[in-house]
PDB file of all heavy atoms in Angstrom:
ATOM      1  N   SER A   1       0.809  -1.219   0.000  1.00  0.00           N
ATOM      2  CA  SER A   1       0.000   0.000   0.000  1.00  0.00           C
ATOM      3  C   SER A   1       0.838   1.263   0.000  1.00  0.00           C
ATOM      4  O   SER A   1       0.325   2.346  -0.234  1.00  0.00           O
ATOM      5  CB  SER A   1      -0.920   0.018   1.228  1.00  0.00           C
ATOM      6  OG  SER A   1      -0.169  -0.061   2.422  1.00  0.00           O
ATOM      7  N   GLN A   2       2.160   1.152   0.223  1.00  0.00           N
ATOM      8  CA  GLN A   2       3.008   2.329   0.243  1.00  0.00           C
ATOM      9  C   GLN A   2       2.937   3.095  -1.064  1.00  0.00           C
ATOM     10  O   GLN A   2       3.054   4.309  -1.095  1.00  0.00           O
ATOM     11  CB  GLN A   2       4.463   1.926   0.508  1.00  0.00           C
ATOM     12  CG  GLN A   2       5.436   3.098   0.419  1.00  0.00           C
ATOM     13  CD  GLN A   2       6.846   2.695   0.744  1.00  0.00           C
ATOM     14  OE1 GLN A   2       7.076   1.908   1.640  1.00  0.00           O
ATOM     15  NE2 GLN A   2       7.799   3.231   0.024  1.00  0.00           N
ATOM     16  N   THR A   3       2.767   2.402  -2.183  1.00  0.00           N
ATOM     17  CA  THR A   3       2.745   3.060  -3.467  1.00  0.00           C
ATOM     18  C   THR A   3       1.325   3.284  -3.975  1.00  0.00           C
ATOM     19  O   THR A   3       1.074   3.410  -5.154  1.00  0.00           O
ATOM     20  CB  THR A   3       3.517   2.223  -4.497  1.00  0.00           C
ATOM     21  OG1 THR A   3       2.931   0.930  -4.557  1.00  0.00           O
ATOM     22  CG2 THR A   3       4.970   2.124  -4.134  1.00  0.00           C
ATOM     23  N   GLY A   4       0.383   3.319  -3.078  1.00  0.00           N
ATOM     24  CA  GLY A   4      -0.986   3.595  -3.479  1.00  0.00           C
ATOM     25  C   GLY A   4      -1.765   2.363  -3.843  1.00  0.00           C
ATOM     26  O   GLY A   4      -2.880   2.440  -4.347  1.00  0.00           O
ATOM     27  N   THR A   5      -1.196   1.199  -3.608  1.00  0.00           N
ATOM     28  CA  THR A   5      -1.864  -0.034  -3.973  1.00  0.00           C
ATOM     29  C   THR A   5      -2.970  -0.379  -2.996  1.00  0.00           C
ATOM     30  O   THR A   5      -2.782  -0.333  -1.800  1.00  0.00           O
ATOM     31  CB  THR A   5      -0.855  -1.191  -3.998  1.00  0.00           C
ATOM     32  OG1 THR A   5       0.132  -0.891  -4.972  1.00  0.00           O
ATOM     33  CG2 THR A   5      -1.518  -2.499  -4.323  1.00  0.00           C
ATOM     34  N   SER A   6      -4.105  -0.750  -3.502  1.00  0.00           N
ATOM     35  CA  SER A   6      -5.195  -1.221  -2.661  1.00  0.00           C
ATOM     36  C   SER A   6      -5.137  -2.732  -2.569  1.00  0.00           C
ATOM     37  O   SER A   6      -5.353  -3.437  -3.545  1.00  0.00           O
ATOM     38  CB  SER A   6      -6.544  -0.793  -3.245  1.00  0.00           C
ATOM     39  OG  SER A   6      -7.588  -1.447  -2.564  1.00  0.00           O
ATOM     40  N   ALA A   7      -4.812  -3.246  -1.405  1.00  0.00           N
ATOM     41  CA  ALA A   7      -4.729  -4.687  -1.221  1.00  0.00           C
ATOM     42  C   ALA A   7      -6.100  -5.339  -1.334  1.00  0.00           C
ATOM     43  O   ALA A   7      -6.210  -6.555  -1.446  1.00  0.00           O
ATOM     44  CB  ALA A   7      -4.110  -4.999   0.135  1.00  0.00           C
ATOM     45  N   LYS A   8      -7.152  -4.530  -1.303  1.00  0.00           N
ATOM     46  CA  LYS A   8      -8.506  -5.055  -1.334  1.00  0.00           C
ATOM     47  C   LYS A   8      -9.100  -5.106  -2.740  1.00  0.00           C
ATOM     48  O   LYS A   8     -10.279  -5.386  -2.896  1.00  0.00           O
ATOM     49  CB  LYS A   8      -9.404  -4.217  -0.419  1.00  0.00           C
ATOM     50  CG  LYS A   8      -8.993  -4.279   1.052  1.00  0.00           C
ATOM     51  CD  LYS A   8      -9.926  -3.452   1.915  1.00  0.00           C
ATOM     52  CE  LYS A   8      -9.524  -3.506   3.386  1.00  0.00           C
ATOM     53  NZ  LYS A   8     -10.417  -2.692   4.242  1.00  0.00           N
ATOM     54  N   ALA A   9      -8.276  -4.786  -3.738  1.00  0.00           N
ATOM     55  CA  ALA A   9      -8.780  -4.841  -5.103  1.00  0.00           C
ATOM     56  C   ALA A   9      -9.311  -6.232  -5.399  1.00  0.00           C
ATOM     57  O   ALA A   9      -8.706  -7.234  -5.061  1.00  0.00           O
ATOM     58  CB  ALA A   9      -7.676  -4.485  -6.092  1.00  0.00           C
ATOM     59  N   SER A  10     -10.462  -6.304  -6.015  1.00  0.00           N
ATOM     60  CA  SER A  10     -11.113  -7.585  -6.254  1.00  0.00           C
ATOM     61  C   SER A  10     -10.346  -8.400  -7.284  1.00  0.00           C
ATOM     62  O   SER A  10      -9.590  -7.870  -8.108  1.00  0.00           O
ATOM     63  CB  SER A  10     -12.544  -7.358  -6.734  1.00  0.00           C
ATOM     64  OG  SER A  10     -12.539  -6.770  -8.022  1.00  0.00           O
ATOM     65  N   VAL A  11     -10.554  -9.705  -7.242  1.00  0.00           N
ATOM     66  CA  VAL A  11      -9.932 -10.589  -8.218  1.00  0.00           C
ATOM     67  C   VAL A  11     -10.362 -10.205  -9.627  1.00  0.00           C
ATOM     68  O   VAL A  11      -9.564 -10.199 -10.559  1.00  0.00           O
ATOM     69  CB  VAL A  11     -10.286 -12.055  -7.922  1.00  0.00           C
ATOM     70  CG1 VAL A  11      -9.781 -12.965  -9.041  1.00  0.00           C
ATOM     71  CG2 VAL A  11      -9.701 -12.482  -6.582  1.00  0.00           C
ATOM     72  N   SER A  12     -11.623  -9.862  -9.791  1.00  0.00           N
ATOM     73  CA  SER A  12     -12.112  -9.484 -11.118  1.00  0.00           C
ATOM     74  C   SER A  12     -11.423  -8.222 -11.621  1.00  0.00           C
ATOM     75  O   SER A  12     -11.100  -8.103 -12.807  1.00  0.00           O
ATOM     76  CB  SER A  12     -13.626  -9.281 -11.093  1.00  0.00           C
ATOM     77  OG  SER A  12     -13.981  -8.240 -10.203  1.00  0.00           O
ATOM     78  N   GLN A  13     -11.167  -7.259 -10.711  1.00  0.00           N
ATOM     79  CA  GLN A  13     -10.481  -6.041 -11.115  1.00  0.00           C
ATOM     80  C   GLN A  13      -9.035  -6.334 -11.470  1.00  0.00           C
ATOM     81  O   GLN A  13      -8.482  -5.770 -12.424  1.00  0.00           O
ATOM     82  CB  GLN A  13     -10.544  -4.998 -10.002  1.00  0.00           C
ATOM     83  CG  GLN A  13      -9.942  -3.642 -10.398  1.00  0.00           C
ATOM     84  CD  GLN A  13     -10.636  -3.033 -11.594  1.00  0.00           C
ATOM     85  OE1 GLN A  13     -11.852  -2.841 -11.588  1.00  0.00           O
ATOM     86  NE2 GLN A  13      -9.877  -2.731 -12.650  1.00  0.00           N
ATOM     87  N   GLN A  14      -8.395  -7.217 -10.726  1.00  0.00           N
ATOM     88  CA  GLN A  14      -7.019  -7.595 -11.046  1.00  0.00           C
ATOM     89  C   GLN A  14      -6.950  -8.276 -12.406  1.00  0.00           C
ATOM     90  O   GLN A  14      -6.011  -8.066 -13.170  1.00  0.00           O
ATOM     91  CB  GLN A  14      -6.462  -8.502  -9.948  1.00  0.00           C
ATOM     92  CG  GLN A  14      -6.217  -7.764  -8.643  1.00  0.00           C
ATOM     93  CD  GLN A  14      -5.801  -8.665  -7.492  1.00  0.00           C
ATOM     94  OE1 GLN A  14      -5.573  -8.200  -6.385  1.00  0.00           O
ATOM     95  NE2 GLN A  14      -5.687  -9.958  -7.733  1.00  0.00           N
ATOM     96  N   THR A  15      -7.961  -9.083 -12.719  1.00  0.00           N
ATOM     97  CA  THR A  15      -8.019  -9.714 -14.041  1.00  0.00           C
ATOM     98  C   THR A  15      -8.140  -8.659 -15.128  1.00  0.00           C
ATOM     99  O   THR A  15      -7.478  -8.738 -16.174  1.00  0.00           O
ATOM    100  CB  THR A  15      -9.206 -10.688 -14.113  1.00  0.00           C
ATOM    101  OG1 THR A  15      -9.038 -11.708 -13.128  1.00  0.00           O
ATOM    102  CG2 THR A  15      -9.304 -11.331 -15.488  1.00  0.00           C
ATOM    103  N   LYS A  16      -8.984  -7.656 -14.889  1.00  0.00           N
ATOM    104  CA  LYS A  16      -9.133  -6.551 -15.855  1.00  0.00           C
ATOM    105  C   LYS A  16      -7.826  -5.780 -16.002  1.00  0.00           C
ATOM    106  O   LYS A  16      -7.454  -5.366 -17.108  1.00  0.00           O
ATOM    107  CB  LYS A  16     -10.258  -5.618 -15.411  1.00  0.00           C
ATOM    108  CG  LYS A  16     -11.647  -6.226 -15.489  1.00  0.00           C
ATOM    109  CD  LYS A  16     -12.696  -5.250 -14.966  1.00  0.00           C
ATOM    110  CE  LYS A  16     -14.094  -5.867 -14.997  1.00  0.00           C
ATOM    111  NZ  LYS A  16     -15.118  -4.945 -14.441  1.00  0.00           N
ATOM    112  N   ASN A  17      -7.123  -5.569 -14.886  1.00  0.00           N
ATOM    113  CA  ASN A  17      -5.858  -4.840 -14.935  1.00  0.00           C
ATOM    114  C   ASN A  17      -4.829  -5.591 -15.776  1.00  0.00           C
ATOM    115  O   ASN A  17      -4.097  -4.994 -16.572  1.00  0.00           O
ATOM    116  CB  ASN A  17      -5.326  -4.620 -13.521  1.00  0.00           C
ATOM    117  CG  ASN A  17      -6.143  -3.627 -12.718  1.00  0.00           C
ATOM    118  OD1 ASN A  17      -6.986  -2.914 -13.264  1.00  0.00           O
ATOM    119  ND2 ASN A  17      -5.913  -3.580 -11.421  1.00  0.00           N
ATOM    120  N   LYS A  18      -4.767  -6.908 -15.585  1.00  0.00           N
ATOM    121  CA  LYS A  18      -3.834  -7.710 -16.371  1.00  0.00           C
ATOM    122  C   LYS A  18      -4.192  -7.662 -17.856  1.00  0.00           C
ATOM    123  O   LYS A  18      -3.304  -7.568 -18.719  1.00  0.00           O
ATOM    124  CB  LYS A  18      -3.807  -9.156 -15.864  1.00  0.00           C
ATOM    125  CG  LYS A  18      -3.100  -9.325 -14.534  1.00  0.00           C
ATOM    126  CD  LYS A  18      -2.830 -10.786 -14.197  1.00  0.00           C
ATOM    127  CE  LYS A  18      -4.100 -11.545 -13.887  1.00  0.00           C
ATOM    128  NZ  LYS A  18      -3.792 -12.945 -13.471  1.00  0.00           N
ATOM    129  N   GLN A  19      -5.469  -7.735 -18.150  1.00  0.00           N
ATOM    130  CA  GLN A  19      -5.877  -7.693 -19.556  1.00  0.00           C
ATOM    131  C   GLN A  19      -5.539  -6.347 -20.181  1.00  0.00           C
ATOM    132  O   GLN A  19      -5.119  -6.277 -21.343  1.00  0.00           O
ATOM    133  CB  GLN A  19      -7.377  -7.967 -19.675  1.00  0.00           C
ATOM    134  CG  GLN A  19      -7.831  -8.175 -21.115  1.00  0.00           C
ATOM    135  CD  GLN A  19      -7.130  -9.351 -21.767  1.00  0.00           C
ATOM    136  OE1 GLN A  19      -7.166 -10.472 -21.274  1.00  0.00           O
ATOM    137  NE2 GLN A  19      -6.451  -9.106 -22.897  1.00  0.00           N
ATOM    138  N   LEU A  20      -5.702  -5.266 -19.420  1.00  0.00           N
ATOM    139  CA  LEU A  20      -5.338  -3.939 -19.906  1.00  0.00           C
ATOM    140  C   LEU A  20      -3.861  -3.907 -20.293  1.00  0.00           C
ATOM    141  O   LEU A  20      -3.493  -3.424 -21.377  1.00  0.00           O
ATOM    142  CB  LEU A  20      -5.621  -2.894 -18.822  1.00  0.00           C
ATOM    143  CG  LEU A  20      -5.103  -1.476 -19.101  1.00  0.00           C
ATOM    144  CD1 LEU A  20      -5.965  -0.799 -20.159  1.00  0.00           C
ATOM    145  CD2 LEU A  20      -5.065  -0.644 -17.829  1.00  0.00           C
ATOM    146  N   VAL A  21      -3.021  -4.434 -19.421  1.00  0.00           N
ATOM    147  CA  VAL A  21      -1.582  -4.429 -19.686  1.00  0.00           C
ATOM    148  C   VAL A  21      -1.243  -5.324 -20.875  1.00  0.00           C
ATOM    149  O   VAL A  21      -0.445  -4.952 -21.744  1.00  0.00           O
ATOM    150  CB  VAL A  21      -0.804  -4.868 -18.423  1.00  0.00           C
ATOM    151  CG1 VAL A  21       0.666  -5.103 -18.746  1.00  0.00           C
ATOM    152  CG2 VAL A  21      -0.937  -3.804 -17.332  1.00  0.00           C
ATOM    153  N   MET A  22      -1.861  -6.502 -20.940  1.00  0.00           N
ATOM    154  CA  MET A  22      -1.603  -7.390 -22.073  1.00  0.00           C
ATOM    155  C   MET A  22      -2.034  -6.753 -23.395  1.00  0.00           C
ATOM    156  O   MET A  22      -1.343  -6.882 -24.411  1.00  0.00           O
ATOM    157  CB  MET A  22      -2.335  -8.713 -21.865  1.00  0.00           C
ATOM    158  CG  MET A  22      -1.757  -9.583 -20.763  1.00  0.00           C
ATOM    159  SD  MET A  22      -0.084 -10.193 -21.136  1.00  0.00           S
ATOM    160  CE  MET A  22      -0.450 -11.450 -22.360  1.00  0.00           C
ATOM    161  N   ASN A  23      -3.146  -6.053 -23.372  1.00  0.00           N
ATOM    162  CA  ASN A  23      -3.602  -5.363 -24.587  1.00  0.00           C
ATOM    163  C   ASN A  23      -2.616  -4.272 -24.987  1.00  0.00           C
ATOM    164  O   ASN A  23      -2.349  -4.063 -26.179  1.00  0.00           O
ATOM    165  CB  ASN A  23      -4.986  -4.757 -24.360  1.00  0.00           C
ATOM    166  CG  ASN A  23      -6.079  -5.800 -24.258  1.00  0.00           C
ATOM    167  OD1 ASN A  23      -5.888  -6.968 -24.623  1.00  0.00           O
ATOM    168  ND2 ASN A  23      -7.238  -5.409 -23.749  1.00  0.00           N
ATOM    169  N   MET A  24      -2.082  -3.572 -23.990  1.00  0.00           N
ATOM    170  CA  MET A  24      -1.103  -2.533 -24.269  1.00  0.00           C
ATOM    171  C   MET A  24       0.157  -3.121 -24.885  1.00  0.00           C
ATOM    172  O   MET A  24       0.703  -2.575 -25.850  1.00  0.00           O
ATOM    173  CB  MET A  24      -0.764  -1.769 -22.981  1.00  0.00           C
ATOM    174  CG  MET A  24       0.123  -0.548 -23.187  1.00  0.00           C
ATOM    175  SD  MET A  24       1.877  -0.920 -23.045  1.00  0.00           S
ATOM    176  CE  MET A  24       1.991  -1.291 -21.299  1.00  0.00           C
ATOM    177  N   TYR A  25       0.617  -4.242 -24.341  1.00  0.00           N
ATOM    178  CA  TYR A  25       1.785  -4.905 -24.931  1.00  0.00           C
ATOM    179  C   TYR A  25       1.533  -5.256 -26.388  1.00  0.00           C
ATOM    180  O   TYR A  25       2.388  -5.025 -27.258  1.00  0.00           O
ATOM    181  CB  TYR A  25       2.121  -6.175 -24.145  1.00  0.00           C
ATOM    182  CG  TYR A  25       3.118  -5.964 -23.037  1.00  0.00           C
ATOM    183  CD1 TYR A  25       2.738  -5.361 -21.841  1.00  0.00           C
ATOM    184  CD2 TYR A  25       4.447  -6.349 -23.173  1.00  0.00           C
ATOM    185  CE1 TYR A  25       3.645  -5.154 -20.823  1.00  0.00           C
ATOM    186  CE2 TYR A  25       5.365  -6.154 -22.168  1.00  0.00           C
ATOM    187  CZ  TYR A  25       4.957  -5.554 -20.994  1.00  0.00           C
ATOM    188  OH  TYR A  25       5.864  -5.338 -19.982  1.00  0.00           O
ATOM    189  N   GLN A  26       0.359  -5.825 -26.662  1.00  0.00           N
ATOM    190  CA  GLN A  26       0.054  -6.243 -28.024  1.00  0.00           C
ATOM    191  C   GLN A  26      -0.034  -5.048 -28.970  1.00  0.00           C
ATOM    192  O   GLN A  26       0.583  -5.035 -30.048  1.00  0.00           O
ATOM    193  CB  GLN A  26      -1.258  -7.038 -28.046  1.00  0.00           C
ATOM    194  CG  GLN A  26      -1.683  -7.512 -29.422  1.00  0.00           C
ATOM    195  CD  GLN A  26      -0.711  -8.503 -30.043  1.00  0.00           C
ATOM    196  OE1 GLN A  26       0.096  -9.107 -29.347  1.00  0.00           O
ATOM    197  NE2 GLN A  26      -0.768  -8.655 -31.359  1.00  0.00           N
ATOM    198  N   ASP A  27      -0.792  -4.036 -28.583  1.00  0.00           N
ATOM    199  CA  ASP A  27      -1.029  -2.892 -29.467  1.00  0.00           C
ATOM    200  C   ASP A  27       0.196  -1.985 -29.607  1.00  0.00           C
ATOM    201  O   ASP A  27       0.569  -1.597 -30.722  1.00  0.00           O
ATOM    202  CB  ASP A  27      -2.203  -2.056 -28.946  1.00  0.00           C
ATOM    203  CG  ASP A  27      -3.552  -2.697 -29.200  1.00  0.00           C
ATOM    204  OD1 ASP A  27      -3.614  -3.645 -30.015  1.00  0.00           O
ATOM    205  OD2 ASP A  27      -4.537  -2.262 -28.581  1.00  0.00           O
ATOM    206  N   VAL A  28       0.790  -1.637 -28.473  1.00  0.00           N
ATOM    207  CA  VAL A  28       1.851  -0.625 -28.487  1.00  0.00           C
ATOM    208  C   VAL A  28       3.231  -1.256 -28.655  1.00  0.00           C
ATOM    209  O   VAL A  28       3.980  -0.887 -29.566  1.00  0.00           O
ATOM    210  CB  VAL A  28       1.789   0.228 -27.206  1.00  0.00           C
ATOM    211  CG1 VAL A  28       2.906   1.281 -27.216  1.00  0.00           C
ATOM    212  CG2 VAL A  28       0.433   0.923 -27.088  1.00  0.00           C
ATOM    213  N   PHE A  29       3.597  -2.195 -27.802  1.00  0.00           N
ATOM    214  CA  PHE A  29       4.947  -2.728 -27.832  1.00  0.00           C
ATOM    215  C   PHE A  29       5.209  -3.637 -29.030  1.00  0.00           C
ATOM    216  O   PHE A  29       6.301  -3.650 -29.580  1.00  0.00           O
ATOM    217  CB  PHE A  29       5.246  -3.496 -26.546  1.00  0.00           C
ATOM    218  CG  PHE A  29       5.312  -2.614 -25.319  1.00  0.00           C
ATOM    219  CD1 PHE A  29       5.244  -3.179 -24.059  1.00  0.00           C
ATOM    220  CD2 PHE A  29       5.443  -1.242 -25.422  1.00  0.00           C
ATOM    221  CE1 PHE A  29       5.311  -2.395 -22.923  1.00  0.00           C
ATOM    222  CE2 PHE A  29       5.506  -0.443 -24.295  1.00  0.00           C
ATOM    223  CZ  PHE A  29       5.440  -1.015 -23.038  1.00  0.00           C
TER     224      PHE A  29
END
């Protein structure tokens, strides 16, 4: 939590976060 992380983020939100990053890798990188 020191860096603003919410330890209570739901599993579904974490799944969405991972998909966002994977999409960014595919599109941008």
